[in-house]
Amino acid sequence: MLEPHILENNSQLNEIIDLSKNPNKNGVLVFKHSTRCSVSYMAFKGLKSQWSFDGVDFFYLDLIKFREVSNAIEEMFGVKHESPQLLHIKNGKCTNNASHFNVNTDTIENWLNA
């Protein structure tokens, strides 16, 4: 079962950027989760139960609890906030993003195999 890194503060965004530049990895995924949304709950449940990706770091953000971090992500990577939302960070930039029903392991697989 997937155990993501918990994203709780803006200083971790620098860590994400650094990790995304590791040539031995396939970037970083950031999942922005609204704990008040059933679609977000189901997306996260699906990711956790179907996770089969090595070589990519995964961060989880409770955007209700840490909205300021969500806002910083939007500003830093230029991706309009949605929920649930999944961002693929590679070489310090957001290379892909998905929201709502497109947040699933098929989407991740397509990104990583592109």
C-alpha atoms as a PDB file:
ATOM      1  CA  MET A   1       0.000   0.000   0.000  1.00  0.00           C
ATOM      2  CA  LEU A   2       1.206   3.495  -0.872  1.00  0.00           C
ATOM      3  CA  GLU A   3       2.447   5.678   1.979  1.00  0.00           C
ATOM      4  CA  PRO A   4       2.984   9.156   0.565  1.00  0.00           C
ATOM      5  CA  HIS A   5       5.125  11.935   1.967  1.00  0.00           C
ATOM      6  CA  ILE A   6       2.884  14.401   3.784  1.00  0.00           C
ATOM      7  CA  LEU A   7       3.110  17.926   2.378  1.00  0.00           C
ATOM      8  CA  GLU A   8       2.495  20.423   5.181  1.00  0.00           C
ATOM      9  CA  ASN A   9       4.537  23.545   4.520  1.00  0.00           C
ATOM     10  CA  ASN A  10       5.881  25.725   1.747  1.00  0.00           C
ATOM     11  CA  SER A  11       9.517  24.868   2.509  1.00  0.00           C
ATOM     12  CA  GLN A  12       8.845  21.315   1.275  1.00  0.00           C
ATOM     13  CA  LEU A  13       8.211  22.713  -2.204  1.00  0.00           C
ATOM     14  CA  ASN A  14      11.964  23.261  -2.565  1.00  0.00           C
ATOM     15  CA  GLU A  15      12.487  19.603  -1.621  1.00  0.00           C
ATOM     16  CA  ILE A  16       9.991  18.585  -4.316  1.00  0.00           C
ATOM     17  CA  ILE A  17      11.831  20.659  -6.906  1.00  0.00           C
ATOM     18  CA  ASP A  18      15.172  19.123  -5.876  1.00  0.00           C
ATOM     19  CA  LEU A  19      13.771  15.585  -5.962  1.00  0.00           C
ATOM     20  CA  SER A  20      12.235  16.223  -9.385  1.00  0.00           C
ATOM     21  CA  LYS A  21      15.710  16.917 -10.798  1.00  0.00           C
ATOM     22  CA  ASN A  22      17.123  13.525  -9.804  1.00  0.00           C
ATOM     23  CA  PRO A  23      18.072  11.791 -13.087  1.00  0.00           C
ATOM     24  CA  ASN A  24      17.574   8.368 -11.459  1.00  0.00           C
ATOM     25  CA  LYS A  25      13.919   9.104 -10.705  1.00  0.00           C
ATOM     26  CA  ASN A  26      10.877   9.824 -12.822  1.00  0.00           C
ATOM     27  CA  GLY A  27       9.911  13.038 -11.100  1.00  0.00           C
ATOM     28  CA  VAL A  28       7.544  13.766  -8.250  1.00  0.00           C
ATOM     29  CA  LEU A  29       3.776  13.449  -8.031  1.00  0.00           C
ATOM     30  CA  VAL A  30       1.780  15.803  -5.826  1.00  0.00           C
ATOM     31  CA  PHE A  31      -1.790  14.848  -4.948  1.00  0.00           C
ATOM     32  CA  LYS A  32      -3.944  17.734  -3.740  1.00  0.00           C
ATOM     33  CA  HIS A  33      -6.791  16.228  -1.727  1.00  0.00           C
ATOM     34  CA  SER A  34      -9.938  17.856  -0.414  1.00  0.00           C
ATOM     35  CA  THR A  35     -10.993  15.895   2.651  1.00  0.00           C
ATOM     36  CA  ARG A  36     -14.538  17.249   2.132  1.00  0.00           C
ATOM     37  CA  CYS A  37     -14.975  15.886  -1.399  1.00  0.00           C
ATOM     38  CA  SER A  38     -16.168  12.380  -2.253  1.00  0.00           C
ATOM     39  CA  VAL A  39     -14.527  12.477  -5.709  1.00  0.00           C
ATOM     40  CA  SER A  40     -11.218  13.358  -4.073  1.00  0.00           C
ATOM     41  CA  TYR A  41     -11.661  10.563  -1.522  1.00  0.00           C
ATOM     42  CA  MET A  42     -12.286   7.989  -4.241  1.00  0.00           C
ATOM     43  CA  ALA A  43      -9.331   9.227  -6.313  1.00  0.00           C
ATOM     44  CA  PHE A  44      -6.973   8.919  -3.354  1.00  0.00           C
ATOM     45  CA  LYS A  45      -8.348   5.520  -2.407  1.00  0.00           C
ATOM     46  CA  GLY A  46      -7.795   4.329  -5.986  1.00  0.00           C
ATOM     47  CA  LEU A  47      -4.234   5.643  -6.091  1.00  0.00           C
ATOM     48  CA  LYS A  48      -3.358   3.990  -2.792  1.00  0.00           C
ATOM     49  CA  SER A  49      -4.825   0.615  -3.700  1.00  0.00           C
ATOM     50  CA  GLN A  50      -3.496   0.450  -7.281  1.00  0.00           C
ATOM     51  CA  TRP A  51      -0.080   2.068  -6.829  1.00  0.00           C
ATOM     52  CA  SER A  52       2.633   0.206  -8.728  1.00  0.00           C
ATOM     53  CA  PHE A  53       5.130   2.909  -9.644  1.00  0.00           C
ATOM     54  CA  ASP A  54       8.777   2.800  -8.671  1.00  0.00           C
ATOM     55  CA  GLY A  55      11.157   5.661  -9.253  1.00  0.00           C
ATOM     56  CA  VAL A  56       8.704   8.449  -8.538  1.00  0.00           C
ATOM     57  CA  ASP A  57       8.190  10.232  -5.221  1.00  0.00           C
ATOM     58  CA  PHE A  58       4.620  10.872  -4.105  1.00  0.00           C
ATOM     59  CA  PHE A  59       3.444  13.762  -1.917  1.00  0.00           C
ATOM     60  CA  TYR A  60      -0.004  14.149  -0.371  1.00  0.00           C
ATOM     61  CA  LEU A  61      -1.487  17.549   0.476  1.00  0.00           C
ATOM     62  CA  ASP A  62      -4.607  17.979   2.616  1.00  0.00           C
ATOM     63  CA  LEU A  63      -5.616  21.228   0.973  1.00  0.00           C
ATOM     64  CA  ILE A  64      -8.312  22.022   3.548  1.00  0.00           C
ATOM     65  CA  LYS A  65      -5.771  21.937   6.345  1.00  0.00           C
ATOM     66  CA  PHE A  66      -2.894  23.476   4.377  1.00  0.00           C
ATOM     67  CA  ARG A  67      -4.578  25.794   1.869  1.00  0.00           C
ATOM     68  CA  GLU A  68      -1.606  28.185   1.886  1.00  0.00           C
ATOM     69  CA  VAL A  69       0.575  25.361   0.524  1.00  0.00           C
ATOM     70  CA  SER A  70      -1.982  24.702  -2.208  1.00  0.00           C
ATOM     71  CA  ASN A  71      -1.917  28.391  -3.112  1.00  0.00           C
ATOM     72  CA  ALA A  72       1.902  28.331  -3.220  1.00  0.00           C
ATOM     73  CA  ILE A  73       1.803  25.313  -5.564  1.00  0.00           C
ATOM     74  CA  GLU A  74      -0.568  27.167  -7.882  1.00  0.00           C
ATOM     75  CA  GLU A  75       1.704  30.204  -7.939  1.00  0.00           C
ATOM     76  CA  MET A  76       4.986  28.268  -8.211  1.00  0.00           C
ATOM     77  CA  PHE A  77       3.945  25.890 -10.990  1.00  0.00           C
ATOM     78  CA  GLY A  78       1.328  28.020 -12.769  1.00  0.00           C
ATOM     79  CA  VAL A  79      -1.420  25.412 -12.491  1.00  0.00           C
ATOM     80  CA  LYS A  80      -4.914  26.614 -11.551  1.00  0.00           C
ATOM     81  CA  HIS A  81      -6.146  24.958  -8.354  1.00  0.00           C
ATOM     82  CA  GLU A  82      -8.672  22.136  -8.646  1.00  0.00           C
ATOM     83  CA  SER A  83      -9.577  19.233  -6.417  1.00  0.00           C
ATOM     84  CA  PRO A  84      -8.707  16.493  -6.523  1.00  0.00           C
ATOM     85  CA  GLN A  85      -5.632  17.376  -8.488  1.00  0.00           C
ATOM     86  CA  LEU A  86      -2.486  15.509  -9.429  1.00  0.00           C
ATOM     87  CA  LEU A  87       0.677  17.228 -10.610  1.00  0.00           C
ATOM     88  CA  HIS A  88       3.760  15.631 -12.151  1.00  0.00           C
ATOM     89  CA  ILE A  89       6.865  17.677 -11.368  1.00  0.00           C
ATOM     90  CA  LYS A  90       9.939  16.917 -13.464  1.00  0.00           C
ATOM     91  CA  ASN A  91      13.146  18.955 -13.621  1.00  0.00           C
ATOM     92  CA  GLY A  92      11.590  21.627 -11.420  1.00  0.00           C
ATOM     93  CA  LYS A  93       8.530  22.210 -13.600  1.00  0.00           C
ATOM     94  CA  CYS A  94       4.993  20.885 -13.681  1.00  0.00           C
ATOM     95  CA  THR A  95       4.996  18.771 -16.837  1.00  0.00           C
ATOM     96  CA  ASN A  96       1.491  17.322 -16.436  1.00  0.00           C
ATOM     97  CA  ASN A  97      -1.580  17.829 -14.308  1.00  0.00           C
ATOM     98  CA  ALA A  98      -4.958  16.186 -13.998  1.00  0.00           C
ATOM     99  CA  SER A  99      -8.048  16.817 -11.951  1.00  0.00           C
ATOM    100  CA  HIS A 100     -11.316  15.238 -10.907  1.00  0.00           C
ATOM    101  CA  PHE A 101     -11.963  11.863 -12.570  1.00  0.00           C
ATOM    102  CA  ASN A 102      -8.651  11.956 -14.476  1.00  0.00           C
ATOM    103  CA  VAL A 103      -6.723  11.470 -11.230  1.00  0.00           C
ATOM    104  CA  ASN A 104      -5.949   7.756 -11.483  1.00  0.00           C
ATOM    105  CA  THR A 105      -3.149   5.298 -12.072  1.00  0.00           C
ATOM    106  CA  ASP A 106      -3.812   5.146 -15.837  1.00  0.00           C
ATOM    107  CA  THR A 107      -3.058   8.863 -16.053  1.00  0.00           C
ATOM    108  CA  ILE A 108       0.169   8.389 -14.089  1.00  0.00           C
ATOM    109  CA  GLU A 109       1.207   5.482 -16.286  1.00  0.00           C
ATOM    110  CA  ASN A 110       0.661   7.567 -19.419  1.00  0.00           C
ATOM    111  CA  TRP A 111       2.747  10.427 -17.998  1.00  0.00           C
ATOM    112  CA  LEU A 112       5.615   8.216 -16.912  1.00  0.00           C
ATOM    113  CA  ASN A 113       5.728   6.278 -20.179  1.00  0.00           C
ATOM    114  CA  ALA A 114       5.498   9.301 -22.489  1.00  0.00           C
END
